[in-house]
Amino acid sequence: MHRFRIDALADPQSLARVAGFFAQRAIIPAGLSAERDQGWMRIEVAVAGLAPQQAAVIAAKLGEAVAVAAVEWEGTA
C-alpha cells in the first residue's frame, strides 16, 4: 500500500484535481481524505498495487500541479 500526502491550497478544485489525477490513470484509491487548515488543505490518498517506481512518478506529477505545494509518499509494492 502506498500513501500520498499532498499539501495544496484550500481551493474548491484542489481535491477534485488530485482525485482526477488518479482517475485519469484508471487507479481507484483504497482511501481518500482531506482536511482544511486555514488557507491549506492536507489530502491523503492510499493506493494498493503500485510499483515503487510508479508511485515515485505519480508523486512527481502531483507535485507539478498548480495548487500543490508539497507531496510526500511512502509504502511498499
N, C-alpha and C. Protein backbone atom coordinates (compact mmCIF):
# COMPACT_ATOMS: atom_id res chain seq x y z
N MET A 1 0.86 -1.19 0.00
CA MET A 1 0.00 0.00 0.00
C MET A 1 0.89 1.24 0.00
N HIS A 2 0.60 2.16 -0.87
CA HIS A 2 1.30 3.44 -0.91
C HIS A 2 0.36 4.52 -0.38
N ARG A 3 0.95 5.45 0.36
CA ARG A 3 0.19 6.58 0.90
C ARG A 3 0.83 7.87 0.42
N PHE A 4 0.00 8.71 -0.16
CA PHE A 4 0.44 10.01 -0.65
C PHE A 4 -0.15 11.08 0.26
N ARG A 5 0.69 12.03 0.69
CA ARG A 5 0.23 13.18 1.47
C ARG A 5 0.51 14.42 0.64
N ILE A 6 -0.55 15.13 0.32
CA ILE A 6 -0.44 16.29 -0.56
C ILE A 6 -0.89 17.54 0.19
N ASP A 7 -0.05 18.55 0.21
CA ASP A 7 -0.42 19.85 0.77
C ASP A 7 -0.76 20.75 -0.41
N ALA A 8 -1.99 21.25 -0.42
CA ALA A 8 -2.46 22.07 -1.54
C ALA A 8 -3.20 23.29 -1.00
N LEU A 9 -3.34 24.27 -1.86
CA LEU A 9 -4.14 25.44 -1.50
C LEU A 9 -5.57 25.00 -1.21
N ALA A 10 -6.22 25.65 -0.27
CA ALA A 10 -7.62 25.34 0.05
C ALA A 10 -8.50 25.98 -1.02
N ASP A 11 -8.41 25.42 -2.20
CA ASP A 11 -9.16 25.88 -3.37
C ASP A 11 -10.27 24.87 -3.64
N PRO A 12 -11.44 25.30 -4.10
CA PRO A 12 -12.52 24.35 -4.36
C PRO A 12 -12.14 23.25 -5.35
N GLN A 13 -11.16 23.48 -6.21
CA GLN A 13 -10.78 22.49 -7.21
C GLN A 13 -9.63 21.57 -6.78
N SER A 14 -8.95 21.87 -5.68
CA SER A 14 -7.78 21.08 -5.29
C SER A 14 -8.08 19.60 -5.10
N LEU A 15 -9.10 19.28 -4.33
CA LEU A 15 -9.43 17.88 -4.08
C LEU A 15 -9.85 17.18 -5.37
N ALA A 16 -10.66 17.85 -6.17
CA ALA A 16 -11.11 17.26 -7.44
C ALA A 16 -9.93 17.01 -8.38
N ARG A 17 -8.97 17.91 -8.41
CA ARG A 17 -7.80 17.74 -9.29
C ARG A 17 -6.95 16.55 -8.85
N VAL A 18 -6.75 16.41 -7.55
CA VAL A 18 -5.97 15.28 -7.05
C VAL A 18 -6.69 13.96 -7.35
N ALA A 19 -7.97 13.89 -7.04
CA ALA A 19 -8.74 12.67 -7.33
C ALA A 19 -8.77 12.39 -8.82
N GLY A 20 -8.91 13.43 -9.62
CA GLY A 20 -8.95 13.28 -11.07
C GLY A 20 -7.64 12.76 -11.63
N PHE A 21 -6.53 13.13 -11.01
CA PHE A 21 -5.23 12.65 -11.45
C PHE A 21 -5.18 11.12 -11.39
N PHE A 22 -5.69 10.54 -10.31
CA PHE A 22 -5.72 9.07 -10.19
C PHE A 22 -6.74 8.47 -11.15
N ALA A 23 -7.89 9.10 -11.29
CA ALA A 23 -8.94 8.59 -12.18
C ALA A 23 -8.46 8.54 -13.63
N GLN A 24 -7.71 9.52 -14.06
CA GLN A 24 -7.20 9.54 -15.43
C GLN A 24 -6.25 8.38 -15.71
N ARG A 25 -5.67 7.83 -14.67
CA ARG A 25 -4.75 6.70 -14.82
C ARG A 25 -5.41 5.37 -14.47
N ALA A 26 -6.75 5.39 -14.36
CA ALA A 26 -7.54 4.19 -14.03
C ALA A 26 -7.11 3.57 -12.70
N ILE A 27 -6.74 4.43 -11.74
CA ILE A 27 -6.36 3.98 -10.41
C ILE A 27 -7.48 4.35 -9.45
N ILE A 28 -8.00 3.35 -8.75
CA ILE A 28 -9.05 3.59 -7.76
C ILE A 28 -8.39 3.56 -6.38
N PRO A 29 -8.36 4.68 -5.68
CA PRO A 29 -7.74 4.70 -4.35
C PRO A 29 -8.47 3.80 -3.35
N ALA A 30 -7.71 3.21 -2.45
CA ALA A 30 -8.30 2.45 -1.36
C ALA A 30 -8.90 3.40 -0.33
N GLY A 31 -8.36 4.61 -0.26
CA GLY A 31 -8.86 5.62 0.67
C GLY A 31 -8.48 7.01 0.21
N LEU A 32 -9.31 7.97 0.55
CA LEU A 32 -9.07 9.37 0.19
C LEU A 32 -9.66 10.23 1.29
N SER A 33 -8.85 11.13 1.84
CA SER A 33 -9.36 12.03 2.88
C SER A 33 -8.73 13.40 2.70
N ALA A 34 -9.41 14.40 3.25
CA ALA A 34 -8.90 15.77 3.17
C ALA A 34 -9.31 16.53 4.41
N GLU A 35 -8.39 17.39 4.87
CA GLU A 35 -8.67 18.28 5.99
C GLU A 35 -8.22 19.67 5.60
N ARG A 36 -9.05 20.64 5.93
CA ARG A 36 -8.73 22.03 5.64
C ARG A 36 -8.16 22.69 6.89
N ASP A 37 -7.10 23.46 6.71
CA ASP A 37 -6.48 24.19 7.81
C ASP A 37 -6.15 25.59 7.29
N GLN A 38 -7.01 26.53 7.59
CA GLN A 38 -6.90 27.91 7.12
C GLN A 38 -6.82 27.93 5.60
N GLY A 39 -5.73 28.39 5.04
CA GLY A 39 -5.62 28.51 3.59
C GLY A 39 -5.07 27.28 2.89
N TRP A 40 -4.89 26.18 3.64
CA TRP A 40 -4.29 24.97 3.08
C TRP A 40 -5.20 23.76 3.26
N MET A 41 -4.94 22.76 2.47
CA MET A 41 -5.68 21.50 2.55
C MET A 41 -4.66 20.37 2.55
N ARG A 42 -4.80 19.43 3.48
CA ARG A 42 -3.96 18.23 3.51
C ARG A 42 -4.81 17.11 2.94
N ILE A 43 -4.37 16.55 1.83
CA ILE A 43 -5.08 15.47 1.16
C ILE A 43 -4.26 14.21 1.31
N GLU A 44 -4.89 13.12 1.73
CA GLU A 44 -4.20 11.85 1.86
C GLU A 44 -4.89 10.83 0.98
N VAL A 45 -4.08 10.11 0.20
CA VAL A 45 -4.59 9.12 -0.74
C VAL A 45 -3.84 7.81 -0.50
N ALA A 46 -4.57 6.71 -0.31
CA ALA A 46 -3.97 5.38 -0.16
C ALA A 46 -4.28 4.59 -1.41
N VAL A 47 -3.24 3.96 -1.98
CA VAL A 47 -3.39 3.20 -3.22
C VAL A 47 -2.66 1.88 -3.08
N ALA A 48 -3.34 0.80 -3.43
CA ALA A 48 -2.72 -0.53 -3.40
C ALA A 48 -2.28 -0.92 -4.81
N GLY A 49 -1.26 -1.77 -4.87
CA GLY A 49 -0.87 -2.37 -6.14
C GLY A 49 0.05 -1.56 -7.03
N LEU A 50 0.71 -0.54 -6.48
CA LEU A 50 1.64 0.25 -7.29
C LEU A 50 3.07 -0.26 -7.10
N ALA A 51 3.85 -0.23 -8.16
CA ALA A 51 5.28 -0.47 -8.04
C ALA A 51 5.92 0.79 -7.47
N PRO A 52 7.04 0.66 -6.75
CA PRO A 52 7.69 1.86 -6.19
C PRO A 52 8.02 2.91 -7.24
N GLN A 53 8.46 2.48 -8.43
CA GLN A 53 8.78 3.44 -9.48
C GLN A 53 7.52 4.19 -9.93
N GLN A 54 6.41 3.48 -10.03
CA GLN A 54 5.14 4.09 -10.43
C GLN A 54 4.70 5.12 -9.39
N ALA A 55 4.85 4.78 -8.11
CA ALA A 55 4.48 5.71 -7.04
C ALA A 55 5.35 6.96 -7.08
N ALA A 56 6.63 6.80 -7.36
CA ALA A 56 7.53 7.95 -7.44
C ALA A 56 7.14 8.87 -8.60
N VAL A 57 6.78 8.30 -9.73
CA VAL A 57 6.35 9.10 -10.88
C VAL A 57 5.06 9.85 -10.56
N ILE A 58 4.11 9.16 -9.92
CA ILE A 58 2.85 9.79 -9.55
C ILE A 58 3.10 10.96 -8.59
N ALA A 59 3.95 10.75 -7.59
CA ALA A 59 4.26 11.82 -6.64
C ALA A 59 4.87 13.02 -7.35
N ALA A 60 5.78 12.76 -8.28
CA ALA A 60 6.41 13.86 -9.03
C ALA A 60 5.38 14.62 -9.86
N LYS A 61 4.49 13.91 -10.51
CA LYS A 61 3.46 14.55 -11.34
C LYS A 61 2.49 15.36 -10.48
N LEU A 62 2.11 14.81 -9.32
CA LEU A 62 1.23 15.56 -8.41
C LEU A 62 1.90 16.85 -7.97
N GLY A 63 3.20 16.79 -7.72
CA GLY A 63 3.94 17.96 -7.28
C GLY A 63 4.00 19.07 -8.31
N GLU A 64 3.75 18.74 -9.57
CA GLU A 64 3.76 19.73 -10.65
C GLU A 64 2.42 20.46 -10.79
N ALA A 65 1.39 20.01 -10.09
CA ALA A 65 0.07 20.63 -10.20
C ALA A 65 0.12 22.06 -9.64
N VAL A 66 -0.67 22.93 -10.21
CA VAL A 66 -0.64 24.35 -9.88
C VAL A 66 -0.90 24.63 -8.40
N ALA A 67 -1.92 24.04 -7.81
CA ALA A 67 -2.30 24.36 -6.43
C ALA A 67 -1.54 23.54 -5.39
N VAL A 68 -0.69 22.62 -5.81
CA VAL A 68 0.01 21.72 -4.88
C VAL A 68 1.33 22.35 -4.42
N ALA A 69 1.51 22.40 -3.09
CA ALA A 69 2.73 22.96 -2.52
C ALA A 69 3.76 21.89 -2.20
N ALA A 70 3.30 20.68 -1.79
CA ALA A 70 4.23 19.62 -1.41
C ALA A 70 3.55 18.26 -1.53
N VAL A 71 4.37 17.24 -1.83
CA VAL A 71 3.88 15.86 -1.91
C VAL A 71 4.89 14.97 -1.20
N GLU A 72 4.39 14.10 -0.33
CA GLU A 72 5.20 13.08 0.32
C GLU A 72 4.54 11.74 0.04
N TRP A 73 5.33 10.69 -0.07
CA TRP A 73 4.73 9.36 -0.25
C TRP A 73 5.59 8.33 0.46
N GLU A 74 4.95 7.25 0.83
CA GLU A 74 5.64 6.13 1.47
C GLU A 74 4.89 4.86 1.12
N GLY A 75 5.56 3.75 1.24
CA GLY A 75 4.87 2.49 1.01
C GLY A 75 5.74 1.44 0.38
N THR A 76 5.11 0.29 0.17
CA THR A 76 5.79 -0.85 -0.43
C THR A 76 4.92 -1.38 -1.55
N ALA A 77 5.52 -2.18 -2.39
CA ALA A 77 4.80 -2.76 -3.53
C ALA A 77 3.75 -3.73 -3.06
